């Protein structure tokens, strides 16, 4: 019997939270057009193209930066080596 009350109370609380989340907003023509432009497929494609171009440029600039290349050679010495080089 108590279990049924808990289920009813939980359902009422959940229903109240869902109903509150569905608030109405007023849109004028300008806001409607802006919302449609922001959520359109063309806006997504444009943003994606912009970001891919940005990262392509960053990669290009990074390849032009100076870098240090070197090689390490082991010299024979009297110092014992702690790492086993097989």
PDB file of N, CA and C in Angstrom:
ATOM      1  N   UNK A   1       0.817  -1.190   0.000  1.00  0.00           N
ATOM      2  CA  UNK A   1       0.000   0.000   0.000  1.00  0.00           C
ATOM      3  C   UNK A   1       0.867   1.262   0.000  1.00  0.00           C
ATOM      4  N   UNK A   2       1.920   1.251   0.829  1.00  0.00           N
ATOM      5  CA  UNK A   2       2.806   2.410   0.870  1.00  0.00           C
ATOM      6  C   UNK A   2       3.543   2.577  -0.457  1.00  0.00           C
ATOM      7  N   UNK A   3       3.839   1.443  -1.075  1.00  0.00           N
ATOM      8  CA  UNK A   3       4.554   1.493  -2.343  1.00  0.00           C
ATOM      9  C   UNK A   3       3.727   2.240  -3.391  1.00  0.00           C
ATOM     10  N   UNK A   4       2.436   2.033  -3.391  1.00  0.00           N
ATOM     11  CA  UNK A   4       1.555   2.708  -4.339  1.00  0.00           C
ATOM     12  C   UNK A   4       1.575   4.217  -4.110  1.00  0.00           C
ATOM     13  N   UNK A   5       1.589   4.649  -2.843  1.00  0.00           N
ATOM     14  CA  UNK A   5       1.632   6.077  -2.538  1.00  0.00           C
ATOM     15  C   UNK A   5       2.943   6.697  -3.020  1.00  0.00           C
ATOM     16  N   UNK A   6       4.029   5.986  -2.839  1.00  0.00           N
ATOM     17  CA  UNK A   6       5.317   6.495  -3.300  1.00  0.00           C
ATOM     18  C   UNK A   6       5.337   6.642  -4.818  1.00  0.00           C
ATOM     19  N   UNK A   7       4.753   5.699  -5.499  1.00  0.00           N
ATOM     20  CA  UNK A   7       4.719   5.763  -6.961  1.00  0.00           C
ATOM     21  C   UNK A   7       3.867   6.948  -7.415  1.00  0.00           C
ATOM     22  N   UNK A   8       2.723   7.158  -6.770  1.00  0.00           N
ATOM     23  CA  UNK A   8       1.849   8.274  -7.134  1.00  0.00           C
ATOM     24  C   UNK A   8       2.546   9.600  -6.864  1.00  0.00           C
ATOM     25  N   UNK A   9       3.203   9.735  -5.728  1.00  0.00           N
ATOM     26  CA  UNK A   9       3.896  10.978  -5.386  1.00  0.00           C
ATOM     27  C   UNK A   9       5.043  11.228  -6.369  1.00  0.00           C
ATOM     28  N   UNK A  10       5.790  10.186  -6.698  1.00  0.00           N
ATOM     29  CA  UNK A  10       6.885  10.340  -7.650  1.00  0.00           C
ATOM     30  C   UNK A  10       6.353  10.757  -9.021  1.00  0.00           C
ATOM     31  N   UNK A  11       5.246  10.175  -9.451  1.00  0.00           N
ATOM     32  CA  UNK A  11       4.667  10.525 -10.749  1.00  0.00           C
ATOM     33  C   UNK A  11       4.193  11.978 -10.758  1.00  0.00           C
ATOM     34  N   UNK A  12       3.594  12.432  -9.659  1.00  0.00           N
ATOM     35  CA  UNK A  12       3.137  13.821  -9.582  1.00  0.00           C
ATOM     36  C   UNK A  12       4.318  14.798  -9.606  1.00  0.00           C
ATOM     37  N   UNK A  13       5.362  14.481  -8.881  1.00  0.00           N
ATOM     38  CA  UNK A  13       6.535  15.355  -8.872  1.00  0.00           C
ATOM     39  C   UNK A  13       7.206  15.398 -10.240  1.00  0.00           C
ATOM     40  N   UNK A  14       7.318  14.255 -10.883  1.00  0.00           N
ATOM     41  CA  UNK A  14       7.917  14.203 -12.213  1.00  0.00           C
ATOM     42  C   UNK A  14       7.066  14.971 -13.211  1.00  0.00           C
ATOM     43  N   UNK A  15       5.766  14.808 -13.147  1.00  0.00           N
ATOM     44  CA  UNK A  15       4.855  15.516 -14.050  1.00  0.00           C
ATOM     45  C   UNK A  15       4.919  17.019 -13.850  1.00  0.00           C
ATOM     46  N   UNK A  16       5.061  17.454 -12.604  1.00  0.00           N
ATOM     47  CA  UNK A  16       5.152  18.888 -12.330  1.00  0.00           C
ATOM     48  C   UNK A  16       6.451  19.463 -12.889  1.00  0.00           C
ATOM     49  N   UNK A  17       7.536  18.713 -12.797  1.00  0.00           N
ATOM     50  CA  UNK A  17       8.803  19.229 -13.313  1.00  0.00           C
ATOM     51  C   UNK A  17       8.787  19.285 -14.845  1.00  0.00           C
ATOM     52  N   UNK A  18       8.139  18.325 -15.492  1.00  0.00           N
ATOM     53  CA  UNK A  18       8.051  18.340 -16.955  1.00  0.00           C
ATOM     54  C   UNK A  18       7.168  19.487 -17.407  1.00  0.00           C
ATOM     55  N   UNK A  19       6.063  19.721 -16.709  1.00  0.00           N
ATOM     56  CA  UNK A  19       5.161  20.807 -17.082  1.00  0.00           C
ATOM     57  C   UNK A  19       5.843  22.164 -16.922  1.00  0.00           C
ATOM     58  N   UNK A  20       6.682  22.313 -15.910  1.00  0.00           N
ATOM     59  CA  UNK A  20       7.387  23.574 -15.701  1.00  0.00           C
ATOM     60  C   UNK A  20       8.418  23.809 -16.799  1.00  0.00           C
ATOM     61  N   UNK A  21       9.002  22.754 -17.330  1.00  0.00           N
ATOM     62  CA  UNK A  21      10.028  22.888 -18.357  1.00  0.00           C
ATOM     63  C   UNK A  21       9.448  23.337 -19.693  1.00  0.00           C
ATOM     64  N   UNK A  22       8.151  23.298 -19.843  1.00  0.00           N
ATOM     65  CA  UNK A  22       7.530  23.666 -21.112  1.00  0.00           C
ATOM     66  C   UNK A  22       6.971  25.079 -21.057  1.00  0.00           C
ATOM     67  N   UNK A  23       7.801  26.035 -20.634  1.00  0.00           N
ATOM     68  CA  UNK A  23       7.367  27.425 -20.600  1.00  0.00           C
ATOM     69  C   UNK A  23       7.248  27.964 -22.021  1.00  0.00           C
ATOM     70  N   UNK A  24       6.313  28.864 -22.206  1.00  0.00           N
ATOM     71  CA  UNK A  24       6.109  29.476 -23.518  1.00  0.00           C
ATOM     72  C   UNK A  24       6.971  30.730 -23.618  1.00  0.00           C
ATOM     73  N   UNK A  25       7.490  30.965 -24.796  1.00  0.00           N
ATOM     74  CA  UNK A  25       8.241  32.186 -25.038  1.00  0.00           C
ATOM     75  C   UNK A  25       7.584  32.935 -26.183  1.00  0.00           C
ATOM     76  N   UNK A  26       7.685  34.241 -26.119  1.00  0.00           N
ATOM     77  CA  UNK A  26       7.122  35.059 -27.189  1.00  0.00           C
ATOM     78  C   UNK A  26       8.217  35.351 -28.197  1.00  0.00           C
ATOM     79  N   UNK A  27       7.887  35.137 -29.453  1.00  0.00           N
ATOM     80  CA  UNK A  27       8.832  35.398 -30.530  1.00  0.00           C
ATOM     81  C   UNK A  27       8.233  36.409 -31.490  1.00  0.00           C
ATOM     82  N   UNK A  28       9.035  37.410 -31.795  1.00  0.00           N
ATOM     83  CA  UNK A  28       8.621  38.292 -32.875  1.00  0.00           C
ATOM     84  C   UNK A  28       9.280  37.799 -34.160  1.00  0.00           C
ATOM     85  N   UNK A  29       9.030  38.453 -35.241  1.00  0.00           N
ATOM     86  CA  UNK A  29       9.540  37.993 -36.532  1.00  0.00           C
ATOM     87  C   UNK A  29      11.060  37.971 -36.548  1.00  0.00           C
ATOM     88  N   UNK A  30      11.684  38.999 -35.984  1.00  0.00           N
ATOM     89  CA  UNK A  30      13.144  39.078 -35.998  1.00  0.00           C
ATOM     90  C   UNK A  30      13.766  37.929 -35.192  1.00  0.00           C
ATOM     91  N   UNK A  31      13.220  37.625 -34.009  1.00  0.00           N
ATOM     92  CA  UNK A  31      13.741  36.529 -33.187  1.00  0.00           C
ATOM     93  C   UNK A  31      13.513  35.177 -33.859  1.00  0.00           C
ATOM     94  N   UNK A  32      12.382  35.039 -34.534  1.00  0.00           N
ATOM     95  CA  UNK A  32      12.084  33.792 -35.229  1.00  0.00           C
ATOM     96  C   UNK A  32      13.069  33.551 -36.366  1.00  0.00           C
ATOM     97  N   UNK A  33      13.357  34.587 -37.118  1.00  0.00           N
ATOM     98  CA  UNK A  33      14.320  34.462 -38.221  1.00  0.00           C
ATOM     99  C   UNK A  33      15.703  34.153 -37.671  1.00  0.00           C
ATOM    100  N   UNK A  34      16.095  34.837 -36.588  1.00  0.00           N
ATOM    101  CA  UNK A  34      17.404  34.593 -35.996  1.00  0.00           C
ATOM    102  C   UNK A  34      17.508  33.163 -35.474  1.00  0.00           C
ATOM    103  N   UNK A  35      16.467  32.669 -34.824  1.00  0.00           N
ATOM    104  CA  UNK A  35      16.454  31.302 -34.309  1.00  0.00           C
ATOM    105  C   UNK A  35      16.542  30.294 -35.450  1.00  0.00           C
ATOM    106  N   UNK A  36      15.827  30.547 -36.529  1.00  0.00           N
ATOM    107  CA  UNK A  36      15.873  29.645 -37.684  1.00  0.00           C
ATOM    108  C   UNK A  36      17.251  29.658 -38.344  1.00  0.00           C
ATOM    109  N   UNK A  37      17.862  30.830 -38.429  1.00  0.00           N
ATOM    110  CA  UNK A  37      19.197  30.919 -39.030  1.00  0.00           C
ATOM    111  C   UNK A  37      20.237  30.199 -38.175  1.00  0.00           C
ATOM    112  N   UNK A  38      20.127  30.326 -36.862  1.00  0.00           N
ATOM    113  CA  UNK A  38      21.104  29.706 -35.965  1.00  0.00           C
ATOM    114  C   UNK A  38      20.989  28.192 -35.937  1.00  0.00           C
ATOM    115  N   UNK A  39      19.809  27.664 -36.157  1.00  0.00           N
ATOM    116  CA  UNK A  39      19.619  26.222 -36.047  1.00  0.00           C
ATOM    117  C   UNK A  39      19.475  25.528 -37.406  1.00  0.00           C
ATOM    118  N   UNK A  40      19.781  26.224 -38.472  1.00  0.00           N
ATOM    119  CA  UNK A  40      19.606  25.623 -39.795  1.00  0.00           C
ATOM    120  C   UNK A  40      20.808  24.764 -40.172  1.00  0.00           C
ATOM    121  N   UNK A  41      20.629  23.938 -41.159  1.00  0.00           N
ATOM    122  CA  UNK A  41      21.708  23.092 -41.668  1.00  0.00           C
ATOM    123  C   UNK A  41      22.806  23.940 -42.300  1.00  0.00           C
ATOM    124  N   UNK A  42      22.415  25.010 -42.968  1.00  0.00           N
ATOM    125  CA  UNK A  42      23.406  25.887 -43.590  1.00  0.00           C
ATOM    126  C   UNK A  42      24.291  26.549 -42.538  1.00  0.00           C
ATOM    127  N   UNK A  43      23.722  26.926 -41.403  1.00  0.00           N
ATOM    128  CA  UNK A  43      24.523  27.515 -40.325  1.00  0.00           C
ATOM    129  C   UNK A  43      25.509  26.494 -39.783  1.00  0.00           C
ATOM    130  N   UNK A  44      25.064  25.258 -39.644  1.00  0.00           N
ATOM    131  CA  UNK A  44      25.950  24.192 -39.170  1.00  0.00           C
ATOM    132  C   UNK A  44      27.098  23.973 -40.151  1.00  0.00           C
ATOM    133  N   UNK A  45      26.781  23.919 -41.436  1.00  0.00           N
ATOM    134  CA  UNK A  45      27.816  23.699 -42.444  1.00  0.00           C
ATOM    135  C   UNK A  45      28.798  24.864 -42.480  1.00  0.00           C
ATOM    136  N   UNK A  46      28.302  26.082 -42.361  1.00  0.00           N
ATOM    137  CA  UNK A  46      29.169  27.253 -42.382  1.00  0.00           C
ATOM    138  C   UNK A  46      30.105  27.264 -41.188  1.00  0.00           C
ATOM    139  N   UNK A  47      29.582  26.948 -40.013  1.00  0.00           N
ATOM    140  CA  UNK A  47      30.413  26.900 -38.817  1.00  0.00           C
ATOM    141  C   UNK A  47      31.464  25.788 -38.932  1.00  0.00           C
ATOM    142  N   UNK A  48      31.063  24.648 -39.471  1.00  0.00           N
ATOM    143  CA  UNK A  48      31.994  23.542 -39.645  1.00  0.00           C
ATOM    144  C   UNK A  48      33.099  23.913 -40.627  1.00  0.00           C
ATOM    145  N   UNK A  49      32.758  24.570 -41.716  1.00  0.00           N
ATOM    146  CA  UNK A  49      33.764  24.992 -42.687  1.00  0.00           C
ATOM    147  C   UNK A  49      34.714  26.019 -42.074  1.00  0.00           C
ATOM    148  N   UNK A  50      34.167  26.930 -41.275  1.00  0.00           N
ATOM    149  CA  UNK A  50      35.009  27.925 -40.611  1.00  0.00           C
ATOM    150  C   UNK A  50      35.999  27.249 -39.669  1.00  0.00           C
ATOM    151  N   UNK A  51      35.521  26.311 -38.860  1.00  0.00           N
ATOM    152  CA  UNK A  51      36.398  25.640 -37.904  1.00  0.00           C
ATOM    153  C   UNK A  51      37.435  24.772 -38.601  1.00  0.00           C
ATOM    154  N   UNK A  52      37.067  24.106 -39.682  1.00  0.00           N
ATOM    155  CA  UNK A  52      38.054  23.285 -40.395  1.00  0.00           C
ATOM    156  C   UNK A  52      39.113  24.177 -41.039  1.00  0.00           C
ATOM    157  N   UNK A  53      38.709  25.319 -41.566  1.00  0.00           N
ATOM    158  CA  UNK A  53      39.690  26.260 -42.115  1.00  0.00           C
ATOM    159  C   UNK A  53      40.601  26.824 -41.038  1.00  0.00           C
ATOM    160  N   UNK A  54      40.036  27.090 -39.880  1.00  0.00           N
ATOM    161  CA  UNK A  54      40.825  27.602 -38.757  1.00  0.00           C
ATOM    162  C   UNK A  54      41.905  26.605 -38.364  1.00  0.00           C
ATOM    163  N   UNK A  55      41.524  25.335 -38.209  1.00  0.00           N
ATOM    164  CA  UNK A  55      42.507  24.341 -37.794  1.00  0.00           C
ATOM    165  C   UNK A  55      43.497  24.021 -38.904  1.00  0.00           C
ATOM    166  N   UNK A  56      43.069  24.131 -40.149  1.00  0.00           N
ATOM    167  CA  UNK A  56      44.002  23.949 -41.255  1.00  0.00           C
ATOM    168  C   UNK A  56      45.057  25.051 -41.228  1.00  0.00           C
ATOM    169  N   UNK A  57      44.640  26.274 -40.956  1.00  0.00           N
ATOM    170  CA  UNK A  57      45.575  27.391 -40.861  1.00  0.00           C
ATOM    171  C   UNK A  57      46.513  27.220 -39.662  1.00  0.00           C
ATOM    172  N   UNK A  58      45.969  26.789 -38.533  1.00  0.00           N
ATOM    173  CA  UNK A  58      46.812  26.565 -37.350  1.00  0.00           C
ATOM    174  C   UNK A  58      47.849  25.485 -37.618  1.00  0.00           C
ATOM    175  N   UNK A  59      47.468  24.436 -38.331  1.00  0.00           N
ATOM    176  CA  UNK A  59      48.412  23.375 -38.670  1.00  0.00           C
ATOM    177  C   UNK A  59      49.486  23.908 -39.609  1.00  0.00           C
ATOM    178  N   UNK A  60      49.101  24.717 -40.582  1.00  0.00           N
ATOM    179  CA  UNK A  60      50.050  25.322 -41.498  1.00  0.00           C
ATOM    180  C   UNK A  60      51.057  26.180 -40.743  1.00  0.00           C
ATOM    181  N   UNK A  61      50.551  27.010 -39.823  1.00  0.00           N
ATOM    182  CA  UNK A  61      51.450  27.865 -39.053  1.00  0.00           C
ATOM    183  C   UNK A  61      52.369  27.038 -38.161  1.00  0.00           C
ATOM    184  N   UNK A  62      51.878  25.951 -37.598  1.00  0.00           N
ATOM    185  CA  UNK A  62      52.680  25.117 -36.720  1.00  0.00           C
ATOM    186  C   UNK A  62      53.806  24.425 -37.477  1.00  0.00           C
ATOM    187  N   UNK A  63      53.573  24.066 -38.732  1.00  0.00           N
ATOM    188  CA  UNK A  63      54.633  23.410 -39.507  1.00  0.00           C
ATOM    189  C   UNK A  63      55.730  24.400 -39.893  1.00  0.00           C
ATOM    190  N   UNK A  64      55.430  25.690 -39.865  1.00  0.00           N
ATOM    191  CA  UNK A  64      56.421  26.695 -40.226  1.00  0.00           C
ATOM    192  C   UNK A  64      57.268  27.138 -39.042  1.00  0.00           C
ATOM    193  N   UNK A  65      56.931  26.704 -37.837  1.00  0.00           N
ATOM    194  CA  UNK A  65      57.708  27.081 -36.663  1.00  0.00           C
ATOM    195  C   UNK A  65      59.036  26.331 -36.648  1.00  0.00           C
ATOM    196  N   UNK A  66      60.063  26.945 -36.064  1.00  0.00           N
ATOM    197  CA  UNK A  66      61.338  26.233 -35.980  1.00  0.00           C
ATOM    198  C   UNK A  66      61.226  25.051 -35.024  1.00  0.00           C
ATOM    199  N   UNK A  67      61.978  24.026 -35.317  1.00  0.00           N
ATOM    200  CA  UNK A  67      61.975  22.851 -34.460  1.00  0.00           C
ATOM    201  C   UNK A  67      63.397  22.367 -34.265  1.00  0.00           C
ATOM    202  N   UNK A  68      63.614  21.599 -33.227  1.00  0.00           N
ATOM    203  CA  UNK A  68      64.928  21.069 -32.903  1.00  0.00           C
ATOM    204  C   UNK A  68      64.897  19.568 -33.136  1.00  0.00           C
ATOM    205  N   UNK A  69      65.812  19.095 -33.954  1.00  0.00           N
ATOM    206  CA  UNK A  69      65.936  17.673 -34.204  1.00  0.00           C
ATOM    207  C   UNK A  69      67.341  17.251 -33.781  1.00  0.00           C
ATOM    208  N   UNK A  70      67.439  16.115 -33.194  1.00  0.00           N
ATOM    209  CA  UNK A  70      68.750  15.650 -32.777  1.00  0.00           C
ATOM    210  C   UNK A  70      68.736  14.161 -32.596  1.00  0.00           C
ATOM    211  N   UNK A  71      69.926  13.624 -32.461  1.00  0.00           N
ATOM    212  CA  UNK A  71      70.012  12.196 -32.202  1.00  0.00           C
ATOM    213  C   UNK A  71      70.932  11.997 -31.012  1.00  0.00           C
ATOM    214  N   UNK A  72      70.674  10.981 -30.276  1.00  0.00           N
ATOM    215  CA  UNK A  72      71.436  10.688 -29.077  1.00  0.00           C
ATOM    216  C   UNK A  72      72.270   9.441 -29.352  1.00  0.00           C
ATOM    217  N   UNK A  73      73.545   9.556 -29.136  1.00  0.00           N
ATOM    218  CA  UNK A  73      74.415   8.389 -29.309  1.00  0.00           C
ATOM    219  C   UNK A  73      75.015   8.039 -27.959  1.00  0.00           C
ATOM    220  N   UNK A  74      75.109   6.768 -27.729  1.00  0.00           N
ATOM    221  CA  UNK A  74      75.699   6.296 -26.476  1.00  0.00           C
ATOM    222  C   UNK A  74      77.215   6.255 -26.648  1.00  0.00           C
ATOM    223  N   UNK A  75      77.917   6.923 -25.788  1.00  0.00           N
ATOM    224  CA  UNK A  75      79.370   6.921 -25.813  1.00  0.00           C
ATOM    225  C   UNK A  75      79.879   5.894 -24.808  1.00  0.00           C
ATOM    226  N   UNK A  76      80.943   5.251 -25.159  1.00  0.00           N
ATOM    227  CA  UNK A  76      81.534   4.306 -24.225  1.00  0.00           C
ATOM    228  C   UNK A  76      82.267   5.090 -23.148  1.00  0.00           C
ATOM    229  N   UNK A  77      81.965   4.767 -21.927  1.00  0.00           N
ATOM    230  CA  UNK A  77      82.608   5.472 -20.830  1.00  0.00           C
ATOM    231  C   UNK A  77      82.759   4.520 -19.640  1.00  0.00           C
ATOM    232  N   UNK A  78      83.380   5.016 -18.613  1.00  0.00           N
ATOM    233  CA  UNK A  78      83.576   4.229 -17.405  1.00  0.00           C
ATOM    234  C   UNK A  78      82.385   4.308 -16.461  1.00  0.00           C
ATOM    235  N   UNK A  79      81.390   5.102 -16.805  1.00  0.00           N
ATOM    236  CA  UNK A  79      80.209   5.227 -15.949  1.00  0.00           C
ATOM    237  C   UNK A  79      79.309   4.035 -16.200  1.00  0.00           C
ATOM    238  N   UNK A  80      78.931   3.321 -15.146  1.00  0.00           N
ATOM    239  CA  UNK A  80      78.079   2.147 -15.356  1.00  0.00           C
ATOM    240  C   UNK A  80      76.683   2.568 -15.819  1.00  0.00           C
ATOM    241  N   UNK A  81      76.166   1.825 -16.725  1.00  0.00           N
ATOM    242  CA  UNK A  81      74.832   2.112 -17.270  1.00  0.00           C
ATOM    243  C   UNK A  81      73.799   1.411 -16.416  1.00  0.00           C
ATOM    244  N   UNK A  82      72.778   2.149 -15.971  1.00  0.00           N
ATOM    245  CA  UNK A  82      71.727   1.574 -15.133  1.00  0.00           C
ATOM    246  C   UNK A  82      70.634   0.933 -15.969  1.00  0.00           C
ATOM    247  N   UNK A  83      70.596   1.266 -17.235  1.00  0.00           N
ATOM    248  CA  UNK A  83      69.564   0.728 -18.121  1.00  0.00           C
ATOM    249  C   UNK A  83      70.214  -0.349 -18.995  1.00  0.00           C
ATOM    250  N   UNK A  84      69.588  -1.492 -19.045  1.00  0.00           N
ATOM    251  CA  UNK A  84      70.109  -2.588 -19.862  1.00  0.00           C
ATOM    252  C   UNK A  84      69.764  -2.334 -21.320  1.00  0.00           C
ATOM    253  N   UNK A  85      70.767  -2.050 -22.131  1.00  0.00           N
ATOM    254  CA  UNK A  85      70.553  -1.809 -23.561  1.00  0.00           C
ATOM    255  C   UNK A  85      70.975  -3.088 -24.283  1.00  0.00           C
ATOM    256  N   UNK A  86      69.990  -3.848 -24.716  1.00  0.00           N
ATOM    257  CA  UNK A  86      70.311  -5.138 -25.326  1.00  0.00           C
ATOM    258  C   UNK A  86      70.262  -5.061 -26.813  1.00  0.00           C
TER     259      UNK A  86
END
